[in-house]
Structures are given as C-alpha cells and as structure tokens.
Amino acid sequence: MMFGRPAVPQATWEEKYFYQKLHHLFDHAADWFVTKVNWWMPSIGAGMVLSL
C-alpha cells in the first residue's frame, strides 16, 4: 500500500490484453539483454572514446 492506496490486483497471463503481454515480454527481453551486455558495452564505449 502506497500513500493509502490499495495495491493493484495482479492479472494472470490469460487476463492480460495483447499489448500488455507484448510489453511484459519486451521488458523481460530487455532485462535479459542488459544482464548479458552490461560488462562489455562500457568497455566498447570507452574504447571508442579513447580512439578519438
């Protein structure tokens, strides 16, 4: 409960609209991608900056 407001009830996968399912899948894919590239993306960026 935040600021006296009740929590939003969680919807099951079957109850979600198509755009909500797409949003959910995109969020999980983005989280997975960030966990895989968070160590080498900064090194590539630093290498590009240092090469200038």
N, C-alpha and C. Protein backbone atom coordinates (compact mmCIF):
# COMPACT_ATOMS: atom_id res chain seq x y z
N MET A 1 0.85 -1.18 0.00
CA MET A 1 0.00 0.00 0.00
C MET A 1 0.89 1.24 0.00
N MET A 2 0.62 2.13 -0.91
CA MET A 2 1.43 3.33 -1.01
C MET A 2 0.53 4.55 -0.91
N PHE A 3 0.80 5.39 0.07
CA PHE A 3 0.04 6.63 0.27
C PHE A 3 -1.45 6.35 0.45
N GLY A 4 -1.77 5.28 1.15
CA GLY A 4 -3.16 4.98 1.45
C GLY A 4 -3.94 4.35 0.31
N ARG A 5 -3.27 4.07 -0.80
CA ARG A 5 -3.96 3.46 -1.94
C ARG A 5 -3.78 1.95 -1.89
N PRO A 6 -4.83 1.20 -2.17
CA PRO A 6 -4.67 -0.26 -2.17
C PRO A 6 -3.81 -0.72 -3.33
N ALA A 7 -3.21 -1.87 -3.16
CA ALA A 7 -2.35 -2.43 -4.21
C ALA A 7 -3.19 -2.81 -5.42
N VAL A 8 -2.59 -2.70 -6.58
CA VAL A 8 -3.27 -3.08 -7.82
C VAL A 8 -3.32 -4.60 -7.89
N PRO A 9 -4.48 -5.17 -8.13
CA PRO A 9 -4.54 -6.63 -8.22
C PRO A 9 -3.75 -7.14 -9.43
N GLN A 10 -3.02 -8.22 -9.22
CA GLN A 10 -2.21 -8.79 -10.29
C GLN A 10 -3.09 -9.59 -11.24
N ALA A 11 -2.89 -9.39 -12.52
CA ALA A 11 -3.65 -10.11 -13.54
C ALA A 11 -2.87 -11.35 -13.97
N THR A 12 -3.57 -12.41 -14.22
CA THR A 12 -2.91 -13.61 -14.74
C THR A 12 -2.62 -13.41 -16.22
N TRP A 13 -1.79 -14.29 -16.76
CA TRP A 13 -1.39 -14.16 -18.17
C TRP A 13 -2.61 -14.19 -19.08
N GLU A 14 -3.59 -15.04 -18.78
CA GLU A 14 -4.77 -15.16 -19.62
C GLU A 14 -5.64 -13.91 -19.57
N GLU A 15 -5.60 -13.18 -18.47
CA GLU A 15 -6.43 -11.98 -18.31
C GLU A 15 -5.83 -10.74 -18.96
N LYS A 16 -4.56 -10.81 -19.33
CA LYS A 16 -3.91 -9.63 -19.89
C LYS A 16 -4.31 -9.41 -21.34
N TYR A 17 -4.32 -8.14 -21.71
CA TYR A 17 -4.56 -7.79 -23.11
C TYR A 17 -3.30 -8.07 -23.91
N PHE A 18 -3.45 -8.12 -25.24
CA PHE A 18 -2.31 -8.45 -26.11
C PHE A 18 -1.17 -7.46 -25.92
N TYR A 19 -1.49 -6.15 -25.85
CA TYR A 19 -0.41 -5.17 -25.70
C TYR A 19 0.28 -5.31 -24.36
N GLN A 20 -0.44 -5.75 -23.33
CA GLN A 20 0.19 -5.97 -22.03
C GLN A 20 1.15 -7.16 -22.08
N LYS A 21 0.76 -8.19 -22.83
CA LYS A 21 1.65 -9.34 -22.98
C LYS A 21 2.91 -8.94 -23.74
N LEU A 22 2.74 -8.14 -24.81
CA LEU A 22 3.91 -7.67 -25.56
C LEU A 22 4.82 -6.83 -24.68
N HIS A 23 4.22 -5.95 -23.90
CA HIS A 23 5.01 -5.10 -23.00
C HIS A 23 5.78 -5.95 -22.00
N HIS A 24 5.12 -6.94 -21.43
CA HIS A 24 5.75 -7.84 -20.47
C HIS A 24 6.93 -8.58 -21.10
N LEU A 25 6.71 -9.12 -22.31
CA LEU A 25 7.78 -9.86 -22.98
C LEU A 25 8.94 -8.94 -23.36
N PHE A 26 8.62 -7.72 -23.81
CA PHE A 26 9.67 -6.78 -24.16
C PHE A 26 10.49 -6.40 -22.93
N ASP A 27 9.82 -6.18 -21.80
CA ASP A 27 10.54 -5.85 -20.56
C ASP A 27 11.48 -6.97 -20.15
N HIS A 28 11.01 -8.20 -20.21
CA HIS A 28 11.86 -9.32 -19.82
C HIS A 28 13.02 -9.51 -20.79
N ALA A 29 12.76 -9.31 -22.08
CA ALA A 29 13.84 -9.43 -23.07
C ALA A 29 14.88 -8.33 -22.86
N ALA A 30 14.43 -7.12 -22.56
CA ALA A 30 15.36 -6.01 -22.32
C ALA A 30 16.18 -6.27 -21.06
N ASP A 31 15.54 -6.77 -20.00
CA ASP A 31 16.27 -7.09 -18.78
C ASP A 31 17.33 -8.16 -19.04
N TRP A 32 16.96 -9.18 -19.80
CA TRP A 32 17.91 -10.24 -20.12
C TRP A 32 19.08 -9.68 -20.93
N PHE A 33 18.78 -8.85 -21.91
CA PHE A 33 19.82 -8.27 -22.76
C PHE A 33 20.79 -7.43 -21.94
N VAL A 34 20.26 -6.61 -21.03
CA VAL A 34 21.12 -5.76 -20.20
C VAL A 34 22.01 -6.61 -19.32
N THR A 35 21.50 -7.71 -18.78
CA THR A 35 22.35 -8.56 -17.93
C THR A 35 23.47 -9.21 -18.74
N LYS A 36 23.25 -9.42 -20.04
CA LYS A 36 24.28 -10.04 -20.86
C LYS A 36 25.31 -9.04 -21.38
N VAL A 37 24.94 -7.78 -21.57
CA VAL A 37 25.86 -6.82 -22.19
C VAL A 37 26.39 -5.77 -21.22
N ASN A 38 26.00 -5.82 -19.95
CA ASN A 38 26.39 -4.74 -19.05
C ASN A 38 27.89 -4.72 -18.76
N TRP A 39 28.62 -5.77 -19.09
CA TRP A 39 30.06 -5.75 -18.82
C TRP A 39 30.86 -5.34 -20.05
N TRP A 40 30.40 -5.64 -21.26
CA TRP A 40 31.21 -5.32 -22.43
C TRP A 40 30.79 -4.05 -23.14
N MET A 41 29.58 -3.58 -22.97
CA MET A 41 29.17 -2.32 -23.60
C MET A 41 29.99 -1.13 -23.08
N PRO A 42 30.21 -1.01 -21.77
CA PRO A 42 31.05 0.11 -21.31
C PRO A 42 32.47 0.04 -21.85
N SER A 43 33.01 -1.17 -21.98
CA SER A 43 34.38 -1.28 -22.49
C SER A 43 34.44 -0.89 -23.97
N ILE A 44 33.41 -1.22 -24.73
CA ILE A 44 33.37 -0.79 -26.14
C ILE A 44 33.23 0.73 -26.22
N GLY A 45 32.36 1.29 -25.38
CA GLY A 45 32.19 2.75 -25.36
C GLY A 45 33.47 3.46 -24.96
N ALA A 46 34.16 2.92 -23.94
CA ALA A 46 35.42 3.53 -23.52
C ALA A 46 36.47 3.42 -24.62
N GLY A 47 36.52 2.28 -25.30
CA GLY A 47 37.46 2.12 -26.41
C GLY A 47 37.18 3.09 -27.54
N MET A 48 35.91 3.34 -27.83
CA MET A 48 35.57 4.30 -28.88
C MET A 48 35.97 5.71 -28.49
N VAL A 49 35.75 6.06 -27.22
CA VAL A 49 36.13 7.40 -26.76
C VAL A 49 37.64 7.56 -26.78
N LEU A 50 38.36 6.55 -26.33
CA LEU A 50 39.82 6.64 -26.29
C LEU A 50 40.43 6.63 -27.69
N SER A 51 39.74 6.09 -28.66
CA SER A 51 40.29 6.05 -30.01
C SER A 51 40.15 7.38 -30.75
N LEU A 52 39.39 8.30 -30.19
CA LEU A 52 39.20 9.59 -30.88
C LEU A 52 40.42 10.45 -30.82
